[in-house]
Amino acid sequence: MCITLPEVAPEWTPPAHTPRNYTDSTATVFADADCEGPYFSLRPHGGHASERLKVRSVVFS
């Protein structure tokens, strides 16, 4: 199930950045809402990315 981050869903707002994943699942973060556009996977239990990675949605697997 795709989760669009409500605070950054509108394209006129700046996207979220510096994602961290402290869940038990892999988090795949997407540059656009509705889990579309370029994506990056974060490993479970502390996976993270730099502030250069901009995100608007996520899916956990």
C-alpha atoms as a PDB file:
ATOM      1  CA  MET A   1       0.000   0.000   0.000  1.00  0.00           C
ATOM      2  CA  CYS A   2       1.411   3.355  -1.062  1.00  0.00           C
ATOM      3  CA  ILE A   3       1.482   6.115   1.544  1.00  0.00           C
ATOM      4  CA  THR A   4       1.616   9.658   0.206  1.00  0.00           C
ATOM      5  CA  LEU A   5       3.025  11.965   2.868  1.00  0.00           C
ATOM      6  CA  PRO A   6       0.202  14.497   3.359  1.00  0.00           C
ATOM      7  CA  GLU A   7       2.477  17.369   4.421  1.00  0.00           C
ATOM      8  CA  VAL A   8       4.388  17.256   1.135  1.00  0.00           C
ATOM      9  CA  ALA A   9       1.813  15.829  -1.296  1.00  0.00           C
ATOM     10  CA  PRO A  10       1.064  19.089  -3.165  1.00  0.00           C
ATOM     11  CA  GLU A  11       3.692  19.804  -5.813  1.00  0.00           C
ATOM     12  CA  TRP A  12       3.857  23.449  -4.718  1.00  0.00           C
ATOM     13  CA  THR A  13       5.289  22.416  -1.322  1.00  0.00           C
ATOM     14  CA  PRO A  14       8.938  21.414  -0.922  1.00  0.00           C
ATOM     15  CA  PRO A  15       9.383  17.617  -0.682  1.00  0.00           C
ATOM     16  CA  ALA A  16      10.537  15.841   2.454  1.00  0.00           C
ATOM     17  CA  HIS A  17      14.215  14.887   2.666  1.00  0.00           C
ATOM     18  CA  THR A  18      16.726  12.828   4.638  1.00  0.00           C
ATOM     19  CA  PRO A  19      14.503   9.749   5.063  1.00  0.00           C
ATOM     20  CA  ARG A  20      15.244   7.187   7.763  1.00  0.00           C
ATOM     21  CA  ASN A  21      13.680   3.763   8.185  1.00  0.00           C
ATOM     22  CA  TYR A  22      13.365   2.363  11.701  1.00  0.00           C
ATOM     23  CA  THR A  23      10.731  -0.245  10.801  1.00  0.00           C
ATOM     24  CA  ASP A  24      11.117  -4.005  10.357  1.00  0.00           C
ATOM     25  CA  SER A  25      10.374  -3.675   6.625  1.00  0.00           C
ATOM     26  CA  THR A  26      12.184  -2.322   3.599  1.00  0.00           C
ATOM     27  CA  ALA A  27      10.934   1.190   2.804  1.00  0.00           C
ATOM     28  CA  THR A  28      10.914   2.266  -0.822  1.00  0.00           C
ATOM     29  CA  VAL A  29      10.624   6.045  -1.035  1.00  0.00           C
ATOM     30  CA  PHE A  30       9.468   7.879  -4.142  1.00  0.00           C
ATOM     31  CA  ALA A  31      10.148  11.364  -5.455  1.00  0.00           C
ATOM     32  CA  ASP A  32       6.490  11.874  -6.411  1.00  0.00           C
ATOM     33  CA  ALA A  33       3.114  11.333  -4.753  1.00  0.00           C
ATOM     34  CA  ASP A  34       1.246   8.042  -5.308  1.00  0.00           C
ATOM     35  CA  CYS A  35       4.536   6.078  -5.356  1.00  0.00           C
ATOM     36  CA  GLU A  36       5.544   7.335  -8.761  1.00  0.00           C
ATOM     37  CA  GLY A  37       8.759   8.730 -10.175  1.00  0.00           C
ATOM     38  CA  PRO A  38      12.318   7.894  -9.197  1.00  0.00           C
ATOM     39  CA  TYR A  39      12.677   5.721  -6.100  1.00  0.00           C
ATOM     40  CA  PHE A  40      15.214   4.555  -3.545  1.00  0.00           C
ATOM     41  CA  SER A  41      15.062   1.625  -1.105  1.00  0.00           C
ATOM     42  CA  LEU A  42      15.968   1.950   2.569  1.00  0.00           C
ATOM     43  CA  ARG A  43      16.911  -1.179   4.500  1.00  0.00           C
ATOM     44  CA  PRO A  44      15.059  -2.063   7.717  1.00  0.00           C
ATOM     45  CA  HIS A  45      16.345  -1.084  11.174  1.00  0.00           C
ATOM     46  CA  GLY A  46      18.064   2.214  10.467  1.00  0.00           C
ATOM     47  CA  GLY A  47      18.417   2.564   6.702  1.00  0.00           C
ATOM     48  CA  HIS A  48      18.837   6.187   5.731  1.00  0.00           C
ATOM     49  CA  ALA A  49      19.721   8.570   2.919  1.00  0.00           C
ATOM     50  CA  SER A  50      21.237  12.033   2.670  1.00  0.00           C
ATOM     51  CA  GLU A  51      19.377  15.320   2.557  1.00  0.00           C
ATOM     52  CA  ARG A  52      19.753  15.268  -1.233  1.00  0.00           C
ATOM     53  CA  LEU A  53      17.083  12.545  -1.495  1.00  0.00           C
ATOM     54  CA  LYS A  54      13.692  14.227  -1.841  1.00  0.00           C
ATOM     55  CA  VAL A  55      10.535  12.182  -1.181  1.00  0.00           C
ATOM     56  CA  ARG A  56       6.744  12.513  -1.310  1.00  0.00           C
ATOM     57  CA  SER A  57       5.566   8.918  -0.817  1.00  0.00           C
ATOM     58  CA  VAL A  58       6.630   5.521   0.530  1.00  0.00           C
ATOM     59  CA  VAL A  59       5.699   1.862   0.355  1.00  0.00           C
ATOM     60  CA  PHE A  60       6.818  -0.794   2.882  1.00  0.00           C
ATOM     61  CA  SER A  61       7.500  -4.408   1.937  1.00  0.00           C
END
